[in-house]
């Protein structure tokens, strides 16, 4: 089925869209939701502690869950990830439980994951070309860093907002852009490969 084309929108349907539109059996939907939750866990364990807030590959899975699964299922994938974290050490740290996940200077990023995935999924409903997917992921990135920087600023005494913005966002921009380009490229390539 041909659709109106633009820079942000691909003009074709894809079999990959069935992951996000609810047409698959509920068991398949559940497996894909859990798959992205597990990908987020794996991404958390690949970390580069070069600054106060560790650089991980988690957001690849967070943005990806929105792109591949859509708003609702992407949200659920990240809720599953946080729920698993109540019992098992699935974050960049070694602890688990609600207190651990909400008592760190980086907790704002972590707790924003479901909303970020939902926003990426919502935006990518219409923006599904390669530039559109990057824009959708970038919108999620803005939300992620807004929540993360706000939490970081509130969590540390004698900390200026400019410091929080620099330490919690500016330093991560190049790495985040690489992740956005990577996951958007993967999504766009697979969506095109499985076009109807």
N, C-alpha and C. Protein backbone atom coordinates (compact mmCIF):
# COMPACT_ATOMS: atom_id res chain seq x y z
N UNK A 1 0.84 -1.20 0.00
CA UNK A 1 0.00 0.00 0.00
C UNK A 1 0.88 1.25 0.00
N UNK A 2 0.71 2.10 -0.99
CA UNK A 2 1.50 3.31 -1.10
C UNK A 2 0.91 4.40 -0.21
N UNK A 3 1.80 5.11 0.46
CA UNK A 3 1.37 6.19 1.33
C UNK A 3 2.01 7.50 0.86
N UNK A 4 1.53 8.58 1.40
CA UNK A 4 2.13 9.87 1.11
C UNK A 4 3.57 9.86 1.61
N UNK A 5 4.48 10.29 0.75
CA UNK A 5 5.89 10.24 1.11
C UNK A 5 6.39 11.62 1.51
N UNK A 6 7.38 11.64 2.38
CA UNK A 6 8.05 12.86 2.78
C UNK A 6 9.43 12.47 3.31
N UNK A 7 10.19 13.46 3.68
CA UNK A 7 11.53 13.18 4.21
C UNK A 7 11.45 12.33 5.47
N UNK A 8 10.40 12.52 6.27
CA UNK A 8 10.29 11.84 7.55
C UNK A 8 9.47 10.55 7.49
N UNK A 9 8.78 10.33 6.39
CA UNK A 9 7.86 9.20 6.31
C UNK A 9 8.16 8.33 5.10
N UNK A 10 8.34 7.03 5.33
CA UNK A 10 8.49 6.08 4.23
C UNK A 10 7.13 5.82 3.61
N UNK A 11 7.10 5.58 2.30
CA UNK A 11 5.82 5.44 1.60
C UNK A 11 5.42 3.99 1.37
N UNK A 12 5.76 3.11 2.30
CA UNK A 12 5.41 1.70 2.15
C UNK A 12 5.11 1.09 3.52
N UNK A 13 4.34 0.02 3.50
CA UNK A 13 4.10 -0.76 4.71
C UNK A 13 5.16 -1.84 4.82
N UNK A 14 5.36 -2.34 6.03
CA UNK A 14 6.37 -3.36 6.27
C UNK A 14 5.79 -4.44 7.18
N UNK A 15 6.23 -5.67 6.97
CA UNK A 15 5.82 -6.75 7.87
C UNK A 15 6.30 -6.48 9.29
N UNK A 16 7.36 -5.70 9.42
CA UNK A 16 7.89 -5.36 10.75
C UNK A 16 6.89 -4.54 11.56
N UNK A 17 5.98 -3.86 10.87
CA UNK A 17 4.98 -3.04 11.56
C UNK A 17 4.04 -3.88 12.42
N UNK A 18 3.96 -5.19 12.12
CA UNK A 18 3.07 -6.06 12.89
C UNK A 18 3.54 -6.20 14.34
N UNK A 19 4.82 -5.87 14.62
CA UNK A 19 5.30 -5.90 16.00
C UNK A 19 4.64 -4.82 16.85
N UNK A 20 4.20 -3.76 16.21
CA UNK A 20 3.70 -2.61 16.95
C UNK A 20 2.20 -2.38 16.82
N UNK A 21 1.54 -3.09 15.92
CA UNK A 21 0.12 -2.78 15.69
C UNK A 21 -0.85 -3.76 16.36
N UNK A 22 -0.33 -4.71 17.16
CA UNK A 22 -1.20 -5.61 17.90
C UNK A 22 -1.82 -6.73 17.11
N UNK A 23 -1.34 -6.99 15.89
CA UNK A 23 -1.95 -8.03 15.06
C UNK A 23 -1.32 -9.40 15.28
N UNK A 24 -0.22 -9.47 16.00
CA UNK A 24 0.41 -10.76 16.29
C UNK A 24 -0.27 -11.42 17.48
N UNK A 25 -0.09 -12.74 17.61
CA UNK A 25 -0.62 -13.44 18.78
C UNK A 25 -0.04 -12.83 20.05
N UNK A 26 -0.80 -12.89 21.12
CA UNK A 26 -0.35 -12.27 22.36
C UNK A 26 0.93 -12.90 22.88
N UNK A 27 1.15 -14.18 22.60
CA UNK A 27 2.39 -14.83 23.05
C UNK A 27 3.61 -14.25 22.32
N UNK A 28 3.44 -13.94 21.04
CA UNK A 28 4.53 -13.33 20.27
C UNK A 28 4.78 -11.91 20.76
N UNK A 29 3.71 -11.17 21.02
CA UNK A 29 3.86 -9.82 21.55
C UNK A 29 4.58 -9.83 22.88
N UNK A 30 4.21 -10.78 23.75
CA UNK A 30 4.86 -10.87 25.05
C UNK A 30 6.34 -11.18 24.90
N UNK A 31 6.67 -12.08 23.97
CA UNK A 31 8.08 -12.43 23.76
C UNK A 31 8.89 -11.24 23.26
N UNK A 32 8.30 -10.43 22.37
CA UNK A 32 9.05 -9.27 21.88
C UNK A 32 9.22 -8.22 22.97
N UNK A 33 8.22 -8.06 23.81
CA UNK A 33 8.34 -7.13 24.93
C UNK A 33 9.45 -7.58 25.88
N UNK A 34 9.46 -8.87 26.22
CA UNK A 34 10.50 -9.40 27.10
C UNK A 34 11.87 -9.35 26.44
N UNK A 35 11.92 -9.55 25.13
CA UNK A 35 13.18 -9.48 24.40
C UNK A 35 13.82 -8.11 24.57
N UNK A 36 13.03 -7.04 24.42
CA UNK A 36 13.60 -5.70 24.56
C UNK A 36 13.93 -5.38 26.02
N UNK A 37 13.20 -5.96 26.96
CA UNK A 37 13.57 -5.80 28.37
C UNK A 37 14.93 -6.43 28.63
N UNK A 38 15.15 -7.62 28.07
CA UNK A 38 16.44 -8.31 28.23
C UNK A 38 17.55 -7.55 27.50
N UNK A 39 17.26 -6.99 26.33
CA UNK A 39 18.25 -6.16 25.63
C UNK A 39 18.67 -4.97 26.49
N UNK A 40 17.71 -4.38 27.20
CA UNK A 40 18.02 -3.25 28.07
C UNK A 40 18.93 -3.70 29.21
N UNK A 41 18.68 -4.88 29.76
CA UNK A 41 19.55 -5.43 30.80
C UNK A 41 20.96 -5.61 30.26
N UNK A 42 21.07 -6.22 29.07
CA UNK A 42 22.39 -6.44 28.47
C UNK A 42 23.11 -5.12 28.23
N UNK A 43 22.36 -4.12 27.75
CA UNK A 43 22.96 -2.81 27.51
C UNK A 43 23.46 -2.15 28.77
N UNK A 44 22.77 -2.41 29.89
CA UNK A 44 23.19 -1.83 31.18
C UNK A 44 24.52 -2.40 31.64
N UNK A 45 24.78 -3.63 31.28
CA UNK A 45 26.00 -4.29 31.74
C UNK A 45 27.20 -3.98 30.85
N UNK A 46 26.95 -3.37 29.70
CA UNK A 46 28.05 -2.91 28.85
C UNK A 46 28.22 -1.43 29.16
N UNK A 47 29.18 -1.13 30.01
CA UNK A 47 29.31 0.23 30.50
C UNK A 47 30.75 0.71 30.45
N UNK A 48 30.86 2.00 30.31
CA UNK A 48 32.15 2.66 30.25
C UNK A 48 32.15 3.75 31.32
N UNK A 49 32.69 3.47 32.51
CA UNK A 49 32.63 4.44 33.62
C UNK A 49 33.65 5.56 33.49
N UNK A 50 33.45 6.39 32.45
CA UNK A 50 34.43 7.44 32.20
C UNK A 50 34.08 8.73 32.94
N UNK A 51 32.84 8.86 33.42
CA UNK A 51 32.42 10.04 34.17
C UNK A 51 31.64 9.60 35.40
N UNK A 52 31.09 10.60 36.11
CA UNK A 52 30.31 10.31 37.31
C UNK A 52 29.11 9.43 36.99
N UNK A 53 28.48 9.71 35.86
CA UNK A 53 27.35 8.91 35.39
C UNK A 53 27.88 7.97 34.31
N UNK A 54 27.79 6.66 34.50
CA UNK A 54 28.39 5.74 33.53
C UNK A 54 27.72 5.82 32.17
N UNK A 55 28.52 5.66 31.14
CA UNK A 55 28.03 5.60 29.77
C UNK A 55 27.75 4.13 29.46
N UNK A 56 26.50 3.82 29.13
CA UNK A 56 26.11 2.44 28.84
C UNK A 56 25.44 2.37 27.46
N UNK A 57 25.08 1.16 27.08
CA UNK A 57 24.36 0.95 25.81
C UNK A 57 22.87 0.73 26.03
N UNK A 58 22.39 1.01 27.23
CA UNK A 58 20.97 0.82 27.54
C UNK A 58 20.05 1.56 26.60
N UNK A 59 20.41 2.79 26.30
CA UNK A 59 19.47 3.61 25.53
C UNK A 59 19.29 3.09 24.10
N UNK A 60 20.23 2.29 23.60
CA UNK A 60 20.00 1.63 22.32
C UNK A 60 18.71 0.80 22.38
N UNK A 61 18.57 0.05 23.48
CA UNK A 61 17.39 -0.80 23.65
C UNK A 61 16.15 0.02 23.98
N UNK A 62 16.33 1.11 24.72
CA UNK A 62 15.18 1.95 25.07
C UNK A 62 14.61 2.60 23.81
N UNK A 63 15.48 3.25 23.02
CA UNK A 63 15.02 3.85 21.76
C UNK A 63 14.49 2.77 20.83
N UNK A 64 15.19 1.63 20.79
CA UNK A 64 14.77 0.54 19.92
C UNK A 64 13.42 -0.03 20.28
N UNK A 65 13.12 -0.12 21.57
CA UNK A 65 11.82 -0.66 21.98
C UNK A 65 10.70 0.25 21.50
N UNK A 66 10.93 1.56 21.48
CA UNK A 66 9.93 2.47 20.94
C UNK A 66 9.78 2.33 19.44
N UNK A 67 10.93 2.28 18.73
CA UNK A 67 10.89 2.18 17.28
C UNK A 67 10.25 0.88 16.81
N UNK A 68 10.69 -0.24 17.37
CA UNK A 68 10.22 -1.54 16.90
C UNK A 68 8.84 -1.92 17.42
N UNK A 69 8.56 -1.57 18.69
CA UNK A 69 7.33 -2.04 19.33
C UNK A 69 6.21 -1.01 19.38
N UNK A 70 6.53 0.25 19.14
CA UNK A 70 5.53 1.29 19.25
C UNK A 70 5.40 1.81 20.67
N UNK A 71 4.51 2.76 20.85
CA UNK A 71 4.40 3.45 22.14
C UNK A 71 3.99 2.53 23.28
N UNK A 72 2.90 1.79 23.11
CA UNK A 72 2.37 0.98 24.22
C UNK A 72 3.29 -0.18 24.57
N UNK A 73 3.73 -0.93 23.57
CA UNK A 73 4.56 -2.11 23.85
C UNK A 73 5.98 -1.71 24.22
N UNK A 74 6.47 -0.60 23.66
CA UNK A 74 7.77 -0.08 24.09
C UNK A 74 7.74 0.33 25.54
N UNK A 75 6.66 1.00 25.92
CA UNK A 75 6.46 1.38 27.33
C UNK A 75 6.46 0.13 28.22
N UNK A 76 5.71 -0.90 27.81
CA UNK A 76 5.63 -2.13 28.60
C UNK A 76 6.98 -2.84 28.70
N UNK A 77 7.77 -2.81 27.63
CA UNK A 77 9.09 -3.44 27.67
C UNK A 77 9.96 -2.79 28.74
N UNK A 78 9.89 -1.47 28.85
CA UNK A 78 10.71 -0.78 29.84
C UNK A 78 10.13 -0.90 31.25
N UNK A 79 8.81 -1.01 31.36
CA UNK A 79 8.20 -1.30 32.66
C UNK A 79 8.66 -2.68 33.14
N UNK A 80 8.71 -3.64 32.22
CA UNK A 80 9.20 -4.99 32.56
C UNK A 80 10.64 -4.92 33.04
N UNK A 81 11.45 -4.13 32.34
CA UNK A 81 12.85 -3.97 32.74
C UNK A 81 12.95 -3.44 34.18
N UNK A 82 12.18 -2.40 34.49
CA UNK A 82 12.22 -1.82 35.84
C UNK A 82 11.67 -2.82 36.86
N UNK A 83 10.64 -3.57 36.48
CA UNK A 83 10.06 -4.57 37.39
C UNK A 83 11.08 -5.67 37.71
N UNK A 84 11.82 -6.10 36.72
CA UNK A 84 12.86 -7.10 36.95
C UNK A 84 13.92 -6.54 37.89
N UNK A 85 14.19 -5.23 37.75
CA UNK A 85 15.17 -4.58 38.62
C UNK A 85 14.77 -4.51 40.07
N UNK A 86 13.50 -4.75 40.37
CA UNK A 86 13.08 -4.80 41.78
C UNK A 86 13.63 -6.03 42.49
N UNK A 87 13.99 -7.05 41.71
CA UNK A 87 14.43 -8.32 42.30
C UNK A 87 15.84 -8.74 41.90
N UNK A 88 16.31 -8.24 40.77
CA UNK A 88 17.62 -8.66 40.26
C UNK A 88 18.45 -7.42 39.89
N UNK A 89 19.78 -7.52 39.96
CA UNK A 89 20.65 -6.38 39.61
C UNK A 89 20.76 -6.21 38.09
N UNK A 90 19.86 -5.46 37.51
CA UNK A 90 19.81 -5.32 36.05
C UNK A 90 20.27 -3.95 35.57
N UNK A 91 20.63 -3.06 36.49
CA UNK A 91 21.06 -1.72 36.10
C UNK A 91 22.57 -1.68 35.97
N UNK A 92 23.10 -0.49 35.72
CA UNK A 92 24.55 -0.34 35.58
C UNK A 92 25.26 -0.60 36.91
N UNK A 93 24.54 -0.55 38.02
CA UNK A 93 25.13 -0.87 39.32
C UNK A 93 24.93 -2.33 39.68
N UNK A 94 25.27 -2.68 40.90
CA UNK A 94 25.18 -4.07 41.34
C UNK A 94 24.00 -4.34 42.26
N UNK A 95 23.19 -3.33 42.52
CA UNK A 95 22.09 -3.51 43.45
C UNK A 95 20.76 -3.75 42.75
N UNK A 96 19.76 -3.98 43.54
CA UNK A 96 18.40 -4.15 43.03
C UNK A 96 17.43 -3.60 44.06
N UNK A 97 16.17 -3.54 43.68
CA UNK A 97 15.14 -3.05 44.59
C UNK A 97 14.79 -1.60 44.32
N UNK A 98 13.60 -1.23 44.78
CA UNK A 98 13.09 0.11 44.54
C UNK A 98 13.99 1.18 45.14
N UNK A 99 14.46 0.96 46.37
CA UNK A 99 15.31 1.97 47.03
C UNK A 99 16.60 2.17 46.26
N UNK A 100 17.19 1.10 45.79
CA UNK A 100 18.44 1.22 45.02
C UNK A 100 18.20 1.98 43.72
N UNK A 101 17.12 1.66 43.04
CA UNK A 101 16.87 2.28 41.73
C UNK A 101 16.45 3.75 41.84
N UNK A 102 16.01 4.18 43.01
CA UNK A 102 15.56 5.57 43.16
C UNK A 102 16.49 6.42 44.01
N UNK A 103 17.62 5.87 44.44
CA UNK A 103 18.49 6.62 45.36
C UNK A 103 19.83 7.01 44.74
N UNK A 104 19.97 6.86 43.44
CA UNK A 104 21.23 7.18 42.79
C UNK A 104 21.10 8.49 42.03
N UNK A 105 22.23 9.13 41.76
CA UNK A 105 22.17 10.40 41.03
C UNK A 105 21.71 10.19 39.59
N UNK A 106 21.80 8.96 39.09
CA UNK A 106 21.37 8.66 37.72
C UNK A 106 19.96 8.07 37.66
N UNK A 107 19.24 8.07 38.77
CA UNK A 107 17.91 7.45 38.79
C UNK A 107 16.91 8.13 37.86
N UNK A 108 17.08 9.42 37.62
CA UNK A 108 16.16 10.13 36.74
C UNK A 108 16.15 9.56 35.33
N UNK A 109 17.32 9.17 34.86
CA UNK A 109 17.40 8.56 33.53
C UNK A 109 16.67 7.21 33.54
N UNK A 110 17.00 6.41 34.53
CA UNK A 110 16.45 5.06 34.64
C UNK A 110 14.93 5.07 34.69
N UNK A 111 14.37 5.90 35.55
CA UNK A 111 12.92 5.93 35.73
C UNK A 111 12.19 6.54 34.53
N UNK A 112 12.93 7.25 33.69
CA UNK A 112 12.32 7.84 32.49
C UNK A 112 12.22 6.86 31.34
N UNK A 113 12.86 5.70 31.43
CA UNK A 113 12.90 4.76 30.30
C UNK A 113 11.53 4.43 29.72
N UNK A 114 10.52 4.09 30.53
CA UNK A 114 9.21 3.78 29.93
C UNK A 114 8.61 4.95 29.15
N UNK A 115 8.70 6.15 29.71
CA UNK A 115 8.16 7.32 29.02
C UNK A 115 8.94 7.64 27.75
N UNK A 116 10.25 7.45 27.80
CA UNK A 116 11.09 7.69 26.62
C UNK A 116 10.71 6.73 25.50
N UNK A 117 10.59 5.44 25.82
CA UNK A 117 10.21 4.45 24.82
C UNK A 117 8.83 4.78 24.24
N UNK A 118 7.90 5.19 25.09
CA UNK A 118 6.56 5.54 24.62
C UNK A 118 6.59 6.74 23.68
N UNK A 119 7.39 7.75 24.02
CA UNK A 119 7.48 8.94 23.16
C UNK A 119 8.11 8.59 21.81
N UNK A 120 9.18 7.80 21.82
CA UNK A 120 9.81 7.38 20.57
C UNK A 120 8.81 6.60 19.73
N UNK A 121 8.08 5.69 20.36
CA UNK A 121 7.08 4.91 19.65
C UNK A 121 5.98 5.77 19.07
N UNK A 122 5.52 6.73 19.84
CA UNK A 122 4.47 7.63 19.38
C UNK A 122 4.95 8.44 18.16
N UNK A 123 6.13 9.00 18.26
CA UNK A 123 6.65 9.82 17.16
C UNK A 123 6.91 8.99 15.91
N UNK A 124 7.35 7.75 16.11
CA UNK A 124 7.69 6.92 14.95
C UNK A 124 6.46 6.31 14.28
N UNK A 125 5.27 6.54 14.85
CA UNK A 125 4.05 6.11 14.16
C UNK A 125 3.97 6.76 12.78
N UNK A 126 4.40 8.01 12.67
CA UNK A 126 4.35 8.73 11.40
C UNK A 126 5.75 8.95 10.83
N UNK A 127 6.74 9.08 11.68
CA UNK A 127 8.11 9.34 11.23
C UNK A 127 8.85 8.01 11.16
N UNK A 128 8.77 7.30 10.04
CA UNK A 128 9.37 5.97 9.97
C UNK A 128 10.43 5.83 8.88
N UNK A 129 10.81 6.94 8.22
CA UNK A 129 11.96 6.89 7.32
C UNK A 129 13.22 6.91 8.18
N UNK A 130 14.38 6.86 7.57
CA UNK A 130 15.62 6.92 8.35
C UNK A 130 15.75 8.25 9.10
N UNK A 131 15.58 9.41 8.40
CA UNK A 131 15.61 10.67 9.14
C UNK A 131 14.48 10.77 10.16
N UNK A 132 13.31 10.23 9.80
CA UNK A 132 12.18 10.26 10.73
C UNK A 132 12.43 9.44 11.97
N UNK A 133 13.04 8.27 11.80
CA UNK A 133 13.37 7.43 12.96
C UNK A 133 14.40 8.11 13.85
N UNK A 134 15.36 8.77 13.23
CA UNK A 134 16.36 9.51 14.03
C UNK A 134 15.69 10.64 14.81
N UNK A 135 14.76 11.33 14.17
CA UNK A 135 14.05 12.41 14.85
C UNK A 135 13.21 11.87 16.01
N UNK A 136 12.54 10.74 15.78
CA UNK A 136 11.75 10.13 16.85
C UNK A 136 12.63 9.75 18.04
N UNK A 137 13.77 9.13 17.75
CA UNK A 137 14.70 8.75 18.82
C UNK A 137 15.27 9.99 19.50
N UNK A 138 15.51 11.05 18.72
CA UNK A 138 16.03 12.29 19.31
C UNK A 138 15.01 12.93 20.25
N UNK A 139 13.74 12.84 19.91
CA UNK A 139 12.71 13.36 20.82
C UNK A 139 12.75 12.59 22.14
N UNK A 140 12.92 11.27 22.06
CA UNK A 140 13.07 10.48 23.27
C UNK A 140 14.31 10.86 24.04
N UNK A 141 15.38 11.16 23.32
CA UNK A 141 16.62 11.58 23.97
C UNK A 141 16.43 12.87 24.75
N UNK A 142 15.72 13.83 24.16
CA UNK A 142 15.46 15.08 24.88
C UNK A 142 14.72 14.82 26.20
N UNK A 143 13.71 13.95 26.14
CA UNK A 143 12.96 13.63 27.36
C UNK A 143 13.85 12.93 28.37
N UNK A 144 14.67 11.97 27.90
CA UNK A 144 15.58 11.25 28.78
C UNK A 144 16.51 12.19 29.53
N UNK A 145 17.14 13.09 28.80
CA UNK A 145 18.11 13.98 29.44
C UNK A 145 17.43 15.07 30.27
N UNK A 146 16.24 15.48 29.88
CA UNK A 146 15.50 16.42 30.70
C UNK A 146 15.23 15.82 32.09
N UNK A 147 14.75 14.58 32.10
CA UNK A 147 14.47 13.90 33.38
C UNK A 147 15.76 13.62 34.14
N UNK A 148 16.77 13.15 33.42
CA UNK A 148 18.04 12.81 34.07
C UNK A 148 18.74 14.00 34.68
N UNK A 149 18.79 15.09 33.94
CA UNK A 149 19.45 16.30 34.43
C UNK A 149 18.67 16.89 35.60
N UNK A 150 17.36 16.89 35.51
CA UNK A 150 16.55 17.41 36.62
C UNK A 150 16.78 16.64 37.90
N UNK A 151 16.84 15.32 37.79
CA UNK A 151 17.08 14.48 38.97
C UNK A 151 18.50 14.71 39.50
N UNK A 152 19.46 14.77 38.61
CA UNK A 152 20.85 15.00 39.00
C UNK A 152 21.01 16.31 39.75
N UNK A 153 20.39 17.36 39.25
CA UNK A 153 20.45 18.67 39.90
C UNK A 153 19.82 18.63 41.29
N UNK A 154 18.68 17.94 41.41
CA UNK A 154 17.99 17.87 42.70
C UNK A 154 18.72 16.97 43.69
N UNK A 155 19.46 15.99 43.19
CA UNK A 155 20.08 15.00 44.07
C UNK A 155 21.37 15.49 44.72
N UNK A 156 22.01 16.47 44.13
CA UNK A 156 23.32 16.91 44.64
C UNK A 156 23.23 18.31 45.22
N UNK A 157 23.74 18.46 46.42
CA UNK A 157 23.78 19.78 47.06
C UNK A 157 24.89 20.63 46.43
N UNK A 158 24.69 21.95 46.48
CA UNK A 158 25.68 22.90 45.98
C UNK A 158 26.08 22.60 44.53
N UNK A 159 25.08 22.28 43.74
CA UNK A 159 25.32 21.90 42.35
C UNK A 159 24.53 22.85 41.47
N UNK A 160 25.20 23.58 40.61
CA UNK A 160 24.52 24.52 39.74
C UNK A 160 23.83 23.79 38.59
N UNK A 161 22.74 24.36 38.10
CA UNK A 161 22.02 23.73 37.00
C UNK A 161 22.90 23.63 35.77
N UNK A 162 23.78 24.62 35.57
CA UNK A 162 24.69 24.57 34.42
C UNK A 162 25.64 23.38 34.54
N UNK A 163 26.07 23.06 35.76
CA UNK A 163 26.92 21.89 35.96
C UNK A 163 26.15 20.61 35.65
N UNK A 164 24.90 20.55 36.11
CA UNK A 164 24.08 19.37 35.88
C UNK A 164 23.85 19.16 34.38
N UNK A 165 23.60 20.25 33.67
CA UNK A 165 23.38 20.15 32.23
C UNK A 165 24.64 19.66 31.53
N UNK A 166 25.79 20.19 31.95
CA UNK A 166 27.05 19.77 31.32
C UNK A 166 27.39 18.31 31.67
N UNK A 167 27.36 17.99 32.96
CA UNK A 167 27.75 16.64 33.40
C UNK A 167 26.73 15.58 33.00
N UNK A 168 25.46 15.97 32.97
CA UNK A 168 24.41 14.98 32.72
C UNK A 168 23.86 14.93 31.32
N UNK A 169 24.29 15.88 30.46
CA UNK A 169 23.76 15.88 29.10
C UNK A 169 24.82 16.22 28.06
N UNK A 170 25.43 17.41 28.17
CA UNK A 170 26.33 17.89 27.12
C UNK A 170 27.44 16.89 26.83
N UNK A 171 28.04 16.33 27.88
CA UNK A 171 29.15 15.40 27.69
C UNK A 171 28.72 14.13 26.96
N UNK A 172 27.44 13.80 27.03
CA UNK A 172 26.95 12.55 26.44
C UNK A 172 26.43 12.72 25.01
N UNK A 173 26.29 13.96 24.54
CA UNK A 173 25.66 14.19 23.24
C UNK A 173 26.31 13.42 22.09
N UNK A 174 27.65 13.46 21.93
CA UNK A 174 28.23 12.72 20.80
C UNK A 174 27.93 11.22 20.85
N UNK A 175 28.03 10.62 22.05
CA UNK A 175 27.77 9.18 22.18
C UNK A 175 26.29 8.87 21.94
N UNK A 176 25.41 9.75 22.42
CA UNK A 176 23.99 9.52 22.24
C UNK A 176 23.61 9.63 20.76
N UNK A 177 24.21 10.57 20.05
CA UNK A 177 23.92 10.71 18.62
C UNK A 177 24.36 9.47 17.85
N UNK A 178 25.49 8.90 18.23
CA UNK A 178 25.95 7.67 17.58
C UNK A 178 24.94 6.56 17.80
N UNK A 179 24.42 6.45 19.04
CA UNK A 179 23.43 5.41 19.33
C UNK A 179 22.13 5.65 18.57
N UNK A 180 21.73 6.91 18.44
CA UNK A 180 20.51 7.24 17.71
C UNK A 180 20.65 6.87 16.24
N UNK A 181 21.78 7.22 15.64
CA UNK A 181 22.02 6.87 14.24
C UNK A 181 22.06 5.36 14.06
N UNK A 182 22.71 4.66 14.98
CA UNK A 182 22.84 3.20 14.88
C UNK A 182 21.49 2.50 14.97
N UNK A 183 20.70 2.80 16.00
CA UNK A 183 19.44 2.08 16.18
C UNK A 183 18.43 2.49 15.10
N UNK A 184 18.48 3.74 14.67
CA UNK A 184 17.59 4.19 13.59
C UNK A 184 17.95 3.51 12.29
N UNK A 185 19.24 3.34 12.04
CA UNK A 185 19.69 2.65 10.83
C UNK A 185 19.28 1.19 10.83
N UNK A 186 19.41 0.54 11.98
CA UNK A 186 18.99 -0.86 12.09
C UNK A 186 17.49 -0.99 11.85
N UNK A 187 16.71 -0.13 12.51
CA UNK A 187 15.26 -0.18 12.36
C UNK A 187 14.84 0.08 10.91
N UNK A 188 15.39 1.13 10.33
CA UNK A 188 15.02 1.48 8.95
C UNK A 188 15.42 0.37 7.98
N UNK A 189 16.60 -0.20 8.15
CA UNK A 189 17.07 -1.26 7.24
C UNK A 189 16.18 -2.49 7.33
N UNK A 190 15.83 -2.89 8.55
CA UNK A 190 14.98 -4.08 8.72
C UNK A 190 13.56 -3.80 8.22
N UNK A 191 13.07 -2.61 8.48
CA UNK A 191 11.73 -2.27 8.01
C UNK A 191 11.67 -2.29 6.48
N UNK A 192 12.72 -1.79 5.84
CA UNK A 192 12.77 -1.80 4.38
C UNK A 192 12.95 -3.22 3.85
N UNK A 193 13.78 -4.02 4.53
CA UNK A 193 14.03 -5.39 4.09
C UNK A 193 12.73 -6.23 4.12
N UNK A 194 11.90 -5.97 5.15
CA UNK A 194 10.65 -6.73 5.30
C UNK A 194 9.44 -5.97 4.76
N UNK A 195 9.67 -5.09 3.79
CA UNK A 195 8.54 -4.34 3.23
C UNK A 195 7.57 -5.26 2.53
N UNK A 196 6.31 -4.85 2.52
CA UNK A 196 5.25 -5.67 1.88
C UNK A 196 5.24 -5.45 0.37
